[in-house]
Protein backbone atom coordinates (compact mmCIF):
# COMPACT_ATOMS: atom_id res chain seq x y z
CA UNK A 1 109.45 109.43 102.14
CA UNK A 2 109.82 109.18 105.91
CA UNK A 3 109.80 112.15 108.27
CA UNK A 4 113.19 112.27 109.98
CA UNK A 5 112.81 115.47 112.02
CA UNK A 6 110.27 118.13 112.94
CA UNK A 7 111.34 121.53 114.27
CA UNK A 8 108.85 123.90 115.88
CA UNK A 9 109.08 127.57 114.91
CA UNK A 10 106.75 130.42 115.93
CA UNK A 11 104.49 130.22 112.88
CA UNK A 12 105.79 127.19 110.96
CA UNK A 13 106.69 123.55 111.35
CA UNK A 14 109.98 122.69 109.68
CA UNK A 15 109.69 119.10 108.46
CA UNK A 16 112.76 117.24 107.20
CA UNK A 17 111.98 114.33 104.86
CA UNK A 18 114.83 112.41 103.20
CA UNK A 19 117.22 115.36 103.65
CA UNK A 20 114.71 117.83 102.16
CA UNK A 21 113.24 120.49 104.44
CA UNK A 22 109.67 121.77 104.09
CA UNK A 23 107.86 124.51 105.96
CA UNK A 24 104.27 123.96 107.01
CA UNK A 25 101.93 126.14 109.06
CA UNK A 26 100.63 124.23 112.11
CA UNK A 27 97.09 125.25 111.16
CA UNK A 28 97.50 123.61 107.74
CA UNK A 29 98.64 120.39 109.38
CA UNK A 30 95.59 120.40 111.66
CA UNK A 31 93.34 120.90 108.65
CA UNK A 32 94.94 118.06 106.71
CA UNK A 33 94.32 115.78 109.68
CA UNK A 34 90.68 116.87 109.74
CA UNK A 35 90.16 116.33 106.01
CA UNK A 36 91.62 112.81 106.12
CA UNK A 37 90.01 111.77 109.39
CA UNK A 38 87.47 108.90 109.39
CA UNK A 39 85.12 111.35 111.12
CA UNK A 40 85.12 113.75 108.15
CA UNK A 41 81.49 113.53 106.97
CA UNK A 42 81.83 112.25 103.41
CA UNK A 43 80.64 108.64 103.78
CA UNK A 44 83.70 106.69 102.63
CA UNK A 45 82.98 104.10 105.33
CA UNK A 46 80.00 102.86 103.29
CA UNK A 47 82.20 101.62 100.41
CA UNK A 48 84.51 98.58 100.22
CA UNK A 49 86.22 98.95 96.80
CA UNK A 50 85.07 95.48 95.77
CA UNK A 51 86.34 93.87 98.97
CA UNK A 52 82.89 92.65 99.94
CA UNK A 53 82.78 90.34 96.92
CA UNK A 54 86.44 89.35 97.36
CA UNK A 55 85.65 88.19 100.89
CA UNK A 56 82.49 86.40 99.71
CA UNK A 57 84.51 84.60 97.01
CA UNK A 58 87.27 83.64 99.46
CA UNK A 59 89.99 85.63 97.68
CA UNK A 60 90.47 87.77 100.80
CA UNK A 61 90.13 85.77 104.02
CA UNK A 62 92.78 86.96 106.49
CA UNK A 63 95.19 89.81 107.15
CA UNK A 64 97.83 88.51 104.75
CA UNK A 65 95.44 88.24 101.80
CA UNK A 66 93.91 91.64 102.66
CA UNK A 67 97.34 93.31 102.61
CA UNK A 68 98.23 91.59 99.32
CA UNK A 69 94.94 92.74 97.76
CA UNK A 70 95.44 96.37 98.81
CA UNK A 71 99.14 96.36 97.95
CA UNK A 72 98.21 95.38 94.39
CA UNK A 73 95.73 98.26 94.27
CA UNK A 74 98.38 100.76 95.36
CA UNK A 75 100.97 99.38 92.94
CA UNK A 76 98.87 98.60 89.87
CA UNK A 77 95.27 99.73 90.35
CA UNK A 78 93.09 102.64 91.39
CA UNK A 79 95.43 103.64 94.20
CA UNK A 80 98.23 104.18 91.72
CA UNK A 81 96.01 106.34 89.49
CA UNK A 82 94.64 108.31 92.43
CA UNK A 83 98.20 109.14 93.47
CA UNK A 84 99.00 110.45 89.98
CA UNK A 85 95.80 112.51 89.86
CA UNK A 86 96.59 113.95 93.28
CA UNK A 87 100.14 114.93 92.31
CA UNK A 88 99.12 116.44 88.97
CA UNK A 89 96.29 118.41 90.58
CA UNK A 90 98.60 119.73 93.28
CA UNK A 91 101.08 121.00 90.68
CA UNK A 92 98.33 122.63 88.59
CA UNK A 93 96.98 124.40 91.65
CA UNK A 94 100.39 125.70 92.69
CA UNK A 95 101.09 126.85 89.11
CA UNK A 96 97.60 128.42 88.82
CA UNK A 97 96.83 126.43 85.69
CA UNK A 98 93.06 126.22 86.06
CA UNK A 99 92.34 124.97 82.53
CA UNK A 100 94.73 122.07 83.04
CA UNK A 101 93.16 121.39 86.43
CA UNK A 102 89.75 120.96 84.80
CA UNK A 103 91.22 118.57 82.22
CA UNK A 104 92.64 116.46 85.04
CA UNK A 105 89.33 116.54 86.91
CA UNK A 106 87.47 115.36 83.81
CA UNK A 107 89.85 112.47 83.19
CA UNK A 108 89.82 111.50 86.86
CA UNK A 109 86.02 111.31 86.79
CA UNK A 110 86.01 109.20 83.61
CA UNK A 111 88.75 106.74 84.55
CA UNK A 112 86.54 104.35 86.57
CA UNK A 113 86.15 100.72 85.61
CA UNK A 114 82.65 100.10 87.00
CA UNK A 115 79.53 102.03 87.98
CA UNK A 116 80.09 101.27 91.67
CA UNK A 117 83.69 102.49 91.56
CA UNK A 118 82.42 105.66 89.88
CA UNK A 119 79.89 106.17 92.69
CA UNK A 120 82.55 105.37 95.28
CA UNK A 121 84.59 108.20 93.79
CA UNK A 122 81.94 110.85 93.08
CA UNK A 123 79.66 110.72 96.13
CA UNK A 124 82.35 111.22 98.83
CA UNK A 125 84.07 113.81 96.63
CA UNK A 126 80.85 115.81 96.26
CA UNK A 127 80.33 115.72 100.03
CA UNK A 128 83.96 116.68 100.58
CA UNK A 129 83.74 119.62 98.18
CA UNK A 130 80.55 120.88 99.83
CA UNK A 131 82.01 120.61 103.33
CA UNK A 132 85.32 122.23 102.42
CA UNK A 133 83.58 125.16 100.73
CA UNK A 134 81.39 125.75 103.75
CA UNK A 135 83.88 125.23 106.59
CA UNK A 136 87.16 126.28 104.92
CA UNK A 137 86.05 128.65 102.09
CA UNK A 138 88.34 129.10 99.12
CA UNK A 139 87.59 130.89 95.85
CA UNK A 140 89.40 128.28 93.73
CA UNK A 141 87.20 125.53 95.13
CA UNK A 142 84.17 127.70 94.31
CA UNK A 143 85.38 128.05 90.72
CA UNK A 144 86.12 124.32 90.53
CA UNK A 145 82.63 123.43 91.74
CA UNK A 146 80.92 125.82 89.30
CA UNK A 147 82.94 124.61 86.33
CA UNK A 148 82.46 120.92 87.09
CA UNK A 149 78.72 121.45 87.55
CA UNK A 150 78.45 123.40 84.31
CA UNK A 151 80.28 120.69 82.36
CA UNK A 152 78.48 117.84 84.18
CA UNK A 153 81.75 116.40 85.49
CA UNK A 154 81.66 114.50 88.76
CA UNK A 155 84.29 115.55 91.31
CA UNK A 156 86.84 113.05 92.60
CA UNK A 157 88.38 112.96 96.04
CA UNK A 158 91.99 113.10 94.86
CA UNK A 159 91.35 116.26 92.82
CA UNK A 160 89.33 118.02 95.51
CA UNK A 161 91.73 117.27 98.36
CA UNK A 162 94.87 117.97 96.33
CA UNK A 163 93.47 121.35 95.31
CA UNK A 164 92.69 122.32 98.90
CA UNK A 165 96.00 120.97 100.21
CA UNK A 166 97.95 123.00 97.66
CA UNK A 167 95.90 126.10 98.48
CA UNK A 168 96.81 125.61 102.14
CA UNK A 169 100.52 125.42 101.37
CA UNK A 170 100.83 121.76 102.34
CA UNK A 171 103.85 120.20 100.57
CA UNK A 172 103.04 117.44 98.11
CA UNK A 173 105.64 115.22 99.79
CA UNK A 174 103.50 115.29 102.93
CA UNK A 175 99.97 115.59 101.53
CA UNK A 176 100.18 112.71 99.04
CA UNK A 177 101.39 109.97 101.43
CA UNK A 178 98.82 111.15 103.98
CA UNK A 179 96.08 110.91 101.35
CA UNK A 180 97.12 107.41 100.28
CA UNK A 181 97.39 106.30 103.91
CA UNK A 182 93.80 107.44 104.47
CA UNK A 183 92.74 105.78 101.21
CA UNK A 184 94.19 102.39 102.13
CA UNK A 185 93.14 102.61 105.80
CA UNK A 186 89.52 102.97 104.72
CA UNK A 187 89.66 99.66 102.83
CA UNK A 188 91.44 98.00 105.76
CA UNK A 189 88.57 99.11 107.99
CA UNK A 190 86.13 97.53 105.53
CA UNK A 191 88.18 94.34 105.65
CA UNK A 192 88.15 94.33 109.45
CA UNK A 193 84.35 94.32 109.37
CA UNK A 194 83.95 91.85 106.50
CA UNK A 195 86.46 89.06 107.12
CA UNK A 196 86.21 89.78 110.12
CA UNK A 197 89.50 90.79 111.72
CA UNK A 198 90.31 92.15 115.16
CA UNK A 199 91.25 95.79 115.61
CA UNK A 200 94.89 94.87 116.26
CA UNK A 201 95.05 92.91 113.00
CA UNK A 202 93.60 95.97 111.27
CA UNK A 203 96.38 98.15 112.63
CA UNK A 204 98.96 95.55 111.66
CA UNK A 205 97.55 95.61 108.10
CA UNK A 206 97.84 99.40 107.97
CA UNK A 207 101.42 99.13 109.20
CA UNK A 208 102.19 96.44 106.61
CA UNK A 209 101.01 98.84 103.87
CA UNK A 210 103.18 101.77 104.95
CA UNK A 211 106.02 100.98 102.54
CA UNK A 212 103.52 100.48 99.69
CA UNK A 213 102.01 103.89 100.44
CA UNK A 214 105.42 105.55 100.42
CA UNK A 215 106.46 103.75 97.23
CA UNK A 216 103.23 104.71 95.43
CA UNK A 217 103.72 108.32 96.51
CA UNK A 218 107.31 108.38 95.26
CA UNK A 219 106.31 106.90 91.89
CA UNK A 220 103.51 109.45 91.48
CA UNK A 221 105.94 112.29 92.20
CA UNK A 222 107.93 111.20 89.13
CA UNK A 223 104.93 110.37 86.91
CA UNK A 224 102.56 112.32 84.69
CA UNK A 225 99.21 111.74 83.00
CA UNK A 226 100.76 109.47 80.37
CA UNK A 227 101.58 106.99 83.14
CA UNK A 228 97.94 106.41 84.05
CA UNK A 229 96.63 102.87 83.73
CA UNK A 230 95.48 99.87 85.71
CA UNK A 231 96.34 96.18 85.76
CA UNK A 232 94.46 95.27 88.95
CA UNK A 233 91.85 93.23 87.07
CA UNK A 234 90.68 91.22 90.08
CA UNK A 235 89.57 94.41 91.84
CA UNK A 236 87.59 95.52 88.78
CA UNK A 237 86.00 92.06 88.44
CA UNK A 238 85.15 92.02 92.15
CA UNK A 239 83.48 95.39 91.78
CA UNK A 240 81.43 94.15 88.82
CA UNK A 241 80.35 91.04 90.73
CA UNK A 242 79.42 93.12 93.76
CA UNK A 243 76.75 94.93 91.74
CA UNK A 244 74.61 91.77 91.82
CA UNK A 245 75.81 90.29 95.09
CA UNK A 246 72.79 88.96 96.98
CA UNK A 247 73.60 90.22 100.49
CA UNK A 248 75.57 93.45 100.77
CA UNK A 249 76.70 95.71 103.61
CA UNK A 250 78.62 98.16 101.41
CA UNK A 251 77.75 100.27 98.39
CA UNK A 252 80.77 99.08 96.37
């Protein structure tokens, strides 16, 4: 969905998206920007989502092939699943269904095709959860952390951020596209360094992926846990090959 208008009110922003109007506290918007910023200290910059091998193999070699690779991920791969996990978590948080939230968190942690993709998910999510609890305390995040630790379940970024976004009153129709934009932009940044591409080409790639981000968000809004699945086999194979790649800059 595209934002068509923003109206400033004393304590709220009124955001109109596709003829639907949502209210959002300016403070919540500032926090969402902080949580999704590249400067947020969770280490996502050290992962490439298998791109390092794809570049080594020649499958990704310019902006066009990079956009095609990431578009497939958003449509058919991990990006699609992350969007569904984010949406389901947001709804559980709003509905105060904590037991269902834990079920989603457990499945999100398990649904990783390779060990490196699992690390790529769990390490930044753990750092994110720790930072959020310290800087923006919330009792539900405390309960989530205790329960996951007790059950030996690794946190995932989609679950952690969706929980905090919902607790801050950020509409799903805004939080989810912003999350997916940050998700895809991180891999574009990896591609800029690996191929390499210029900074302008990197921004053009992010712009090229905007419609894919919006489409993935819209599909996730109408999906549920039964729609989970992946057909982005090349990304999974690239991740497996990366585990034994001779020279590596990234952890995945």
